PDB file of all heavy atoms in Angstrom:
ATOM      1  N   GLN A   1     -51.311   6.387 -96.151  1.00  0.00           N
ATOM      2  CA  GLN A   1     -52.693   6.231 -95.758  1.00  0.00           C
ATOM      3  C   GLN A   1     -52.938   6.694 -94.329  1.00  0.00           C
ATOM      4  O   GLN A   1     -51.971   6.727 -93.514  1.00  0.00           O
ATOM      5  CB  GLN A   1     -53.061   4.758 -95.858  1.00  0.00           C
ATOM      6  CG  GLN A   1     -53.112   4.218 -97.279  1.00  0.00           C
ATOM      7  CD  GLN A   1     -53.656   2.769 -97.328  1.00  0.00           C
ATOM      8  OE1 GLN A   1     -53.626   2.036 -96.346  1.00  0.00           O
ATOM      9  NE2 GLN A   1     -54.139   2.385 -98.488  1.00  0.00           N
ATOM     10  N   PRO A   2     -54.177   7.087 -93.993  1.00  0.00           N
ATOM     11  CA  PRO A   2     -54.438   7.464 -92.634  1.00  0.00           C
ATOM     12  C   PRO A   2     -54.052   6.345 -91.650  1.00  0.00           C
ATOM     13  O   PRO A   2     -54.281   5.155 -91.910  1.00  0.00           O
ATOM     14  CB  PRO A   2     -55.966   7.668 -92.662  1.00  0.00           C
ATOM     15  CG  PRO A   2     -56.269   8.041 -94.082  1.00  0.00           C
ATOM     16  CD  PRO A   2     -55.362   7.249 -94.935  1.00  0.00           C
ATOM     17  N   GLY A   3     -53.450   6.773 -90.554  1.00  0.00           N
ATOM     18  CA  GLY A   3     -52.918   5.824 -89.589  1.00  0.00           C
ATOM     19  C   GLY A   3     -51.507   5.403 -89.822  1.00  0.00           C
ATOM     20  O   GLY A   3     -50.878   4.745 -88.960  1.00  0.00           O
ATOM     21  N   GLY A   4     -50.964   5.759 -90.967  1.00  0.00           N
ATOM     22  CA  GLY A   4     -49.612   5.392 -91.302  1.00  0.00           C
ATOM     23  C   GLY A   4     -48.551   6.299 -90.702  1.00  0.00           C
ATOM     24  O   GLY A   4     -48.893   7.218 -89.922  1.00  0.00           O
ATOM     25  N   SER A   5     -47.306   6.057 -91.098  1.00  0.00           N
ATOM     26  CA  SER A   5     -46.140   6.782 -90.529  1.00  0.00           C
ATOM     27  C   SER A   5     -45.247   7.247 -91.653  1.00  0.00           C
ATOM     28  O   SER A   5     -45.141   6.643 -92.704  1.00  0.00           O
ATOM     29  CB  SER A   5     -45.351   5.873 -89.593  1.00  0.00           C
ATOM     30  OG  SER A   5     -46.124   5.479 -88.459  1.00  0.00           O
ATOM     31  N   LEU A   6     -44.571   8.341 -91.393  1.00  0.00           N
ATOM     32  CA  LEU A   6     -43.533   8.877 -92.237  1.00  0.00           C
ATOM     33  C   LEU A   6     -42.438   9.505 -91.367  1.00  0.00           C
ATOM     34  O   LEU A   6     -42.760   9.974 -90.280  1.00  0.00           O
ATOM     35  CB  LEU A   6     -44.066   9.948 -93.184  1.00  0.00           C
ATOM     36  CG  LEU A   6     -44.746   9.539 -94.460  1.00  0.00           C
ATOM     37  CD1 LEU A   6     -45.274  10.787 -95.155  1.00  0.00           C
ATOM     38  CD2 LEU A   6     -43.846   8.770 -95.405  1.00  0.00           C
ATOM     39  N   LYS A   7     -41.214   9.479 -91.851  1.00  0.00           N
ATOM     40  CA  LYS A   7     -40.136  10.169 -91.155  1.00  0.00           C
ATOM     41  C   LYS A   7     -39.510  11.188 -92.094  1.00  0.00           C
ATOM     42  O   LYS A   7     -38.996  10.844 -93.196  1.00  0.00           O
ATOM     43  CB  LYS A   7     -39.061   9.176 -90.650  1.00  0.00           C
ATOM     44  CG  LYS A   7     -38.029   9.821 -89.786  1.00  0.00           C
ATOM     45  CD  LYS A   7     -37.132   8.799 -89.149  1.00  0.00           C
ATOM     46  CE  LYS A   7     -36.116   9.445 -88.181  1.00  0.00           C
ATOM     47  NZ  LYS A   7     -35.269   8.456 -87.520  1.00  0.00           N
ATOM     48  N   LEU A   8     -39.492  12.430 -91.684  1.00  0.00           N
ATOM     49  CA  LEU A   8     -38.831  13.507 -92.448  1.00  0.00           C
ATOM     50  C   LEU A   8     -37.457  13.754 -91.917  1.00  0.00           C
ATOM     51  O   LEU A   8     -37.197  13.630 -90.700  1.00  0.00           O
ATOM     52  CB  LEU A   8     -39.653  14.772 -92.395  1.00  0.00           C
ATOM     53  CG  LEU A   8     -41.127  14.725 -92.763  1.00  0.00           C
ATOM     54  CD1 LEU A   8     -41.782  16.071 -92.648  1.00  0.00           C
ATOM     55  CD2 LEU A   8     -41.296  14.150 -94.128  1.00  0.00           C
ATOM     56  N   SER A   9     -36.551  14.136 -92.781  1.00  0.00           N
ATOM     57  CA  SER A   9     -35.188  14.482 -92.420  1.00  0.00           C
ATOM     58  C   SER A   9     -34.864  15.880 -93.024  1.00  0.00           C
ATOM     59  O   SER A   9     -35.371  16.208 -94.081  1.00  0.00           O
ATOM     60  CB  SER A   9     -34.159  13.474 -92.954  1.00  0.00           C
ATOM     61  OG  SER A   9     -34.438  12.186 -92.445  1.00  0.00           O
ATOM     62  N   CYS A  10     -33.979  16.552 -92.329  1.00  0.00           N
ATOM     63  CA  CYS A  10     -33.546  17.866 -92.808  1.00  0.00           C
ATOM     64  C   CYS A  10     -32.069  18.031 -92.429  1.00  0.00           C
ATOM     65  O   CYS A  10     -31.777  18.102 -91.246  1.00  0.00           O
ATOM     66  CB  CYS A  10     -34.427  18.998 -92.245  1.00  0.00           C
ATOM     67  SG  CYS A  10     -33.807  20.643 -92.544  1.00  0.00           S
ATOM     68  N   ALA A  11     -31.272  18.193 -93.433  1.00  0.00           N
ATOM     69  CA  ALA A  11     -29.798  18.328 -93.191  1.00  0.00           C
ATOM     70  C   ALA A  11     -29.330  19.728 -93.518  1.00  0.00           C
ATOM     71  O   ALA A  11     -29.686  20.247 -94.595  1.00  0.00           O
ATOM     72  CB  ALA A  11     -29.067  17.299 -93.965  1.00  0.00           C
ATOM     73  N   ALA A  12     -28.556  20.292 -92.643  1.00  0.00           N
ATOM     74  CA  ALA A  12     -27.950  21.595 -92.910  1.00  0.00           C
ATOM     75  C   ALA A  12     -26.558  21.394 -93.425  1.00  0.00           C
ATOM     76  O   ALA A  12     -25.821  20.517 -93.006  1.00  0.00           O
ATOM     77  CB  ALA A  12     -27.923  22.385 -91.592  1.00  0.00           C
ATOM     78  N   SER A  13     -26.165  22.241 -94.410  1.00  0.00           N
ATOM     79  CA  SER A  13     -24.855  22.146 -95.005  1.00  0.00           C
ATOM     80  C   SER A  13     -24.305  23.558 -95.225  1.00  0.00           C
ATOM     81  O   SER A  13     -25.043  24.513 -95.258  1.00  0.00           O
ATOM     82  CB  SER A  13     -24.930  21.366 -96.326  1.00  0.00           C
ATOM     83  OG  SER A  13     -25.715  22.068 -97.266  1.00  0.00           O
ATOM     84  N   GLY A  14     -22.969  23.618 -95.408  1.00  0.00           N
ATOM     85  CA  GLY A  14     -22.331  24.879 -95.584  1.00  0.00           C
ATOM     86  C   GLY A  14     -21.445  25.190 -94.413  1.00  0.00           C
ATOM     87  O   GLY A  14     -21.140  24.326 -93.607  1.00  0.00           O
ATOM     88  N   SER A  15     -20.991  26.410 -94.344  1.00  0.00           N
ATOM     89  CA  SER A  15     -20.132  26.846 -93.262  1.00  0.00           C
ATOM     90  C   SER A  15     -20.932  27.207 -92.053  1.00  0.00           C
ATOM     91  O   SER A  15     -21.597  28.284 -92.031  1.00  0.00           O
ATOM     92  CB  SER A  15     -19.298  28.047 -93.750  1.00  0.00           C
ATOM     93  OG  SER A  15     -18.406  28.470 -92.704  1.00  0.00           O
ATOM     94  N   ILE A  16     -20.987  26.347 -91.076  1.00  0.00           N
ATOM     95  CA  ILE A  16     -21.883  26.505 -89.915  1.00  0.00           C
ATOM     96  C   ILE A  16     -21.105  26.550 -88.661  1.00  0.00           C
ATOM     97  O   ILE A  16     -20.270  25.662 -88.384  1.00  0.00           O
ATOM     98  CB  ILE A  16     -22.893  25.297 -89.881  1.00  0.00           C
ATOM     99  CG1 ILE A  16     -23.790  25.255 -91.106  1.00  0.00           C
ATOM    100  CG2 ILE A  16     -23.741  25.401 -88.587  1.00  0.00           C
ATOM    101  CD1 ILE A  16     -24.617  24.014 -91.233  1.00  0.00           C
ATOM    102  N   PHE A  17     -21.327  27.627 -87.895  1.00  0.00           N
ATOM    103  CA  PHE A  17     -20.674  27.656 -86.561  1.00  0.00           C
ATOM    104  C   PHE A  17     -21.712  27.750 -85.464  1.00  0.00           C
ATOM    105  O   PHE A  17     -21.393  27.621 -84.280  1.00  0.00           O
ATOM    106  CB  PHE A  17     -19.666  28.831 -86.446  1.00  0.00           C
ATOM    107  CG  PHE A  17     -20.254  30.170 -86.736  1.00  0.00           C
ATOM    108  CD1 PHE A  17     -20.894  30.863 -85.720  1.00  0.00           C
ATOM    109  CD2 PHE A  17     -20.085  30.764 -87.976  1.00  0.00           C
ATOM    110  CE1 PHE A  17     -21.414  32.154 -85.959  1.00  0.00           C
ATOM    111  CE2 PHE A  17     -20.597  32.051 -88.239  1.00  0.00           C
ATOM    112  CZ  PHE A  17     -21.272  32.711 -87.172  1.00  0.00           C
ATOM    113  N   SER A  18     -22.975  27.962 -85.847  1.00  0.00           N
ATOM    114  CA  SER A  18     -24.057  28.033 -84.859  1.00  0.00           C
ATOM    115  C   SER A  18     -25.366  27.565 -85.495  1.00  0.00           C
ATOM    116  O   SER A  18     -25.713  28.071 -86.563  1.00  0.00           O
ATOM    117  CB  SER A  18     -24.162  29.444 -84.266  1.00  0.00           C
ATOM    118  OG  SER A  18     -25.326  29.543 -83.436  1.00  0.00           O
ATOM    119  N   ILE A  19     -26.062  26.669 -84.827  1.00  0.00           N
ATOM    120  CA  ILE A  19     -27.360  26.218 -85.405  1.00  0.00           C
ATOM    121  C   ILE A  19     -28.291  25.887 -84.257  1.00  0.00           C
ATOM    122  O   ILE A  19     -28.210  24.907 -83.571  1.00  0.00           O
ATOM    123  CB  ILE A  19     -27.125  24.993 -86.328  1.00  0.00           C
ATOM    124  CG1 ILE A  19     -28.476  24.548 -86.948  1.00  0.00           C
ATOM    125  CG2 ILE A  19     -26.386  23.882 -85.676  1.00  0.00           C
ATOM    126  CD1 ILE A  19     -28.353  23.588 -88.064  1.00  0.00           C
ATOM    127  N   GLU A  20     -29.183  26.839 -83.994  1.00  0.00           N
ATOM    128  CA  GLU A  20     -30.056  26.745 -82.833  1.00  0.00           C
ATOM    129  C   GLU A  20     -31.166  27.729 -82.920  1.00  0.00           C
ATOM    130  O   GLU A  20     -30.928  28.891 -83.138  1.00  0.00           O
ATOM    131  CB  GLU A  20     -29.181  27.109 -81.581  1.00  0.00           C
ATOM    132  CG  GLU A  20     -29.921  27.051 -80.277  1.00  0.00           C
ATOM    133  CD  GLU A  20     -30.005  25.681 -79.746  1.00  0.00           C
ATOM    134  OE1 GLU A  20     -30.787  24.823 -80.248  1.00  0.00           O
ATOM    135  OE2 GLU A  20     -29.257  25.335 -78.765  1.00  0.00           O
ATOM    136  N   PRO A  21     -32.474  27.275 -82.679  1.00  0.00           N
ATOM    137  CA  PRO A  21     -32.896  25.914 -82.665  1.00  0.00           C
ATOM    138  C   PRO A  21     -33.175  25.382 -84.062  1.00  0.00           C
ATOM    139  O   PRO A  21     -32.964  26.076 -85.027  1.00  0.00           O
ATOM    140  CB  PRO A  21     -34.158  26.003 -81.827  1.00  0.00           C
ATOM    141  CG  PRO A  21     -34.739  27.300 -82.252  1.00  0.00           C
ATOM    142  CD  PRO A  21     -33.568  28.231 -82.473  1.00  0.00           C
ATOM    143  N   MET A  22     -33.705  24.148 -84.129  1.00  0.00           N
ATOM    144  CA  MET A  22     -34.151  23.596 -85.407  1.00  0.00           C
ATOM    145  C   MET A  22     -35.607  23.242 -85.252  1.00  0.00           C
ATOM    146  O   MET A  22     -36.076  22.889 -84.191  1.00  0.00           O
ATOM    147  CB  MET A  22     -33.348  22.349 -85.802  1.00  0.00           C
ATOM    148  CG  MET A  22     -31.856  22.601 -85.943  1.00  0.00           C
ATOM    149  SD  MET A  22     -30.944  21.174 -86.567  1.00  0.00           S
ATOM    150  CE  MET A  22     -31.239  21.313 -88.350  1.00  0.00           C
ATOM    151  N   ALA A  23     -36.386  23.400 -86.321  1.00  0.00           N
ATOM    152  CA  ALA A  23     -37.828  23.228 -86.192  1.00  0.00           C
ATOM    153  C   ALA A  23     -38.462  22.757 -87.507  1.00  0.00           C
ATOM    154  O   ALA A  23     -37.838  22.846 -88.568  1.00  0.00           O
ATOM    155  CB  ALA A  23     -38.495  24.589 -85.799  1.00  0.00           C
ATOM    156  N   TRP A  24     -39.636  22.255 -87.376  1.00  0.00           N
ATOM    157  CA  TRP A  24     -40.484  21.931 -88.487  1.00  0.00           C
ATOM    158  C   TRP A  24     -41.766  22.727 -88.460  1.00  0.00           C
ATOM    159  O   TRP A  24     -42.370  22.894 -87.417  1.00  0.00           O
ATOM    160  CB  TRP A  24     -40.878  20.434 -88.506  1.00  0.00           C
ATOM    161  CG  TRP A  24     -39.747  19.489 -88.799  1.00  0.00           C
ATOM    162  CD1 TRP A  24     -38.903  18.856 -87.897  1.00  0.00           C
ATOM    163  CD2 TRP A  24     -39.265  19.112 -90.085  1.00  0.00           C
ATOM    164  NE1 TRP A  24     -37.987  18.119 -88.544  1.00  0.00           N
ATOM    165  CE2 TRP A  24     -38.207  18.215 -89.904  1.00  0.00           C
ATOM    166  CE3 TRP A  24     -39.710  19.404 -91.387  1.00  0.00           C
ATOM    167  CZ2 TRP A  24     -37.504  17.667 -90.998  1.00  0.00           C
ATOM    168  CZ3 TRP A  24     -39.013  18.829 -92.450  1.00  0.00           C
ATOM    169  CH2 TRP A  24     -37.926  17.981 -92.259  1.00  0.00           C
ATOM    170  N   HIS A  25     -42.121  23.302 -89.619  1.00  0.00           N
ATOM    171  CA  HIS A  25     -43.380  24.010 -89.844  1.00  0.00           C
ATOM    172  C   HIS A  25     -44.126  23.312 -90.925  1.00  0.00           C
ATOM    173  O   HIS A  25     -43.532  22.512 -91.677  1.00  0.00           O
ATOM    174  CB  HIS A  25     -43.085  25.469 -90.226  1.00  0.00           C
ATOM    175  CG  HIS A  25     -42.318  26.253 -89.224  1.00  0.00           C
ATOM    176  ND1 HIS A  25     -42.885  27.291 -88.539  1.00  0.00           N
ATOM    177  CD2 HIS A  25     -41.052  26.152 -88.761  1.00  0.00           C
ATOM    178  CE1 HIS A  25     -41.989  27.838 -87.694  1.00  0.00           C
ATOM    179  NE2 HIS A  25     -40.856  27.118 -87.868  1.00  0.00           N
ATOM    180  N   ARG A  26     -45.385  23.686 -91.103  1.00  0.00           N
ATOM    181  CA  ARG A  26     -46.163  23.115 -92.187  1.00  0.00           C
ATOM    182  C   ARG A  26     -47.184  24.112 -92.655  1.00  0.00           C
ATOM    183  O   ARG A  26     -47.622  24.980 -91.922  1.00  0.00           O
ATOM    184  CB  ARG A  26     -46.845  21.812 -91.797  1.00  0.00           C
ATOM    185  CG  ARG A  26     -47.973  21.933 -90.783  1.00  0.00           C
ATOM    186  CD  ARG A  26     -48.465  20.565 -90.367  1.00  0.00           C
ATOM    187  NE  ARG A  26     -49.574  20.679 -89.389  1.00  0.00           N
ATOM    188  CZ  ARG A  26     -50.146  19.619 -88.801  1.00  0.00           C
ATOM    189  NH1 ARG A  26     -49.690  18.393 -89.064  1.00  0.00           N
ATOM    190  NH2 ARG A  26     -51.117  19.810 -87.934  1.00  0.00           N
ATOM    191  N   GLN A  27     -47.546  23.956 -93.948  1.00  0.00           N
ATOM    192  CA  GLN A  27     -48.549  24.853 -94.526  1.00  0.00           C
ATOM    193  C   GLN A  27     -49.450  24.064 -95.384  1.00  0.00           C
ATOM    194  O   GLN A  27     -49.030  23.454 -96.413  1.00  0.00           O
ATOM    195  CB  GLN A  27     -47.889  25.984 -95.310  1.00  0.00           C
ATOM    196  CG  GLN A  27     -48.859  27.032 -95.804  1.00  0.00           C
ATOM    197  CD  GLN A  27     -48.179  28.300 -96.283  1.00  0.00           C
ATOM    198  OE1 GLN A  27     -47.028  28.291 -96.627  1.00  0.00           O
ATOM    199  NE2 GLN A  27     -48.956  29.373 -96.318  1.00  0.00           N
ATOM    200  N   ALA A  28     -50.730  24.001 -94.971  1.00  0.00           N
ATOM    201  CA  ALA A  28     -51.765  23.355 -95.761  1.00  0.00           C
ATOM    202  C   ALA A  28     -52.355  24.330 -96.762  1.00  0.00           C
ATOM    203  O   ALA A  28     -52.273  25.534 -96.530  1.00  0.00           O
ATOM    204  CB  ALA A  28     -52.807  22.773 -94.846  1.00  0.00           C
ATOM    205  N   PRO A  29     -52.970  23.839 -97.827  1.00  0.00           N
ATOM    206  CA  PRO A  29     -53.563  24.746 -98.839  1.00  0.00           C
ATOM    207  C   PRO A  29     -54.574  25.648 -98.191  1.00  0.00           C
ATOM    208  O   PRO A  29     -55.471  25.232 -97.432  1.00  0.00           O
ATOM    209  CB  PRO A  29     -54.241  23.780 -99.836  1.00  0.00           C
ATOM    210  CG  PRO A  29     -53.484  22.519 -99.700  1.00  0.00           C
ATOM    211  CD  PRO A  29     -53.060  22.417 -98.234  1.00  0.00           C
ATOM    212  N   GLY A  30     -54.420  26.945 -98.454  1.00  0.00           N
ATOM    213  CA  GLY A  30     -55.379  27.931 -97.948  1.00  0.00           C
ATOM    214  C   GLY A  30     -55.242  28.282 -96.526  1.00  0.00           C
ATOM    215  O   GLY A  30     -56.012  29.022 -95.932  1.00  0.00           O
ATOM    216  N   LYS A  31     -54.172  27.779 -95.848  1.00  0.00           N
ATOM    217  CA  LYS A  31     -53.964  28.027 -94.448  1.00  0.00           C
ATOM    218  C   LYS A  31     -52.578  28.690 -94.248  1.00  0.00           C
ATOM    219  O   LYS A  31     -51.709  28.619 -95.073  1.00  0.00           O
ATOM    220  CB  LYS A  31     -54.028  26.760 -93.605  1.00  0.00           C
ATOM    221  CG  LYS A  31     -55.408  26.142 -93.610  1.00  0.00           C
ATOM    222  CD  LYS A  31     -55.454  24.965 -92.621  1.00  0.00           C
ATOM    223  CE  LYS A  31     -56.877  24.425 -92.550  1.00  0.00           C
ATOM    224  NZ  LYS A  31     -56.982  23.330 -91.543  1.00  0.00           N
ATOM    225  N   GLN A  32     -52.448  29.315 -93.080  1.00  0.00           N
ATOM    226  CA  GLN A  32     -51.163  29.933 -92.714  1.00  0.00           C
ATOM    227  C   GLN A  32     -50.130  28.849 -92.303  1.00  0.00           C
ATOM    228  O   GLN A  32     -50.525  27.771 -91.826  1.00  0.00           O
ATOM    229  CB  GLN A  32     -51.317  30.908 -91.564  1.00  0.00           C
ATOM    230  CG  GLN A  32     -52.090  32.195 -91.971  1.00  0.00           C
ATOM    231  CD  GLN A  32     -52.056  33.224 -90.868  1.00  0.00           C
ATOM    232  OE1 GLN A  32     -52.028  32.910 -89.687  1.00  0.00           O
ATOM    233  NE2 GLN A  32     -52.080  34.503 -91.278  1.00  0.00           N
ATOM    234  N   ARG A  33     -48.918  29.186 -92.517  1.00  0.00           N
ATOM    235  CA  ARG A  33     -47.826  28.274 -92.026  1.00  0.00           C
ATOM    236  C   ARG A  33     -47.830  28.236 -90.531  1.00  0.00           C
ATOM    237  O   ARG A  33     -48.033  29.268 -89.859  1.00  0.00           O
ATOM    238  CB  ARG A  33     -46.459  28.777 -92.529  1.00  0.00           C
ATOM    239  CG  ARG A  33     -45.344  27.772 -92.356  1.00  0.00           C
ATOM    240  CD  ARG A  33     -44.067  28.239 -93.017  1.00  0.00           C
ATOM    241  NE  ARG A  33     -44.209  28.364 -94.455  1.00  0.00           N
ATOM    242  CZ  ARG A  33     -43.218  28.594 -95.275  1.00  0.00           C
ATOM    243  NH1 ARG A  33     -41.957  28.699 -94.786  1.00  0.00           N
ATOM    244  NH2 ARG A  33     -43.375  28.735 -96.580  1.00  0.00           N
ATOM    245  N   GLU A  34     -47.731  27.023 -89.965  1.00  0.00           N
ATOM    246  CA  GLU A  34     -47.770  26.857 -88.535  1.00  0.00           C
ATOM    247  C   GLU A  34     -46.538  26.050 -88.023  1.00  0.00           C
ATOM    248  O   GLU A  34     -46.021  25.184 -88.749  1.00  0.00           O
ATOM    249  CB  GLU A  34     -49.049  26.167 -88.080  1.00  0.00           C
ATOM    250  CG  GLU A  34     -49.193  24.719 -88.592  1.00  0.00           C
ATOM    251  CD  GLU A  34     -50.393  24.050 -88.043  1.00  0.00           C
ATOM    252  OE1 GLU A  34     -51.067  24.551 -87.107  1.00  0.00           O
ATOM    253  OE2 GLU A  34     -50.690  22.917 -88.539  1.00  0.00           O
TER     254      GLU A  34
END
């Protein structure tokens, strides 16, 4: 609901030796990803 909270998580897996940076983007219907 409006005013509420959520927490998103994103885990990387596989053979990783470098991970930089990490980010969140979003895309609403009819809009560009931001």
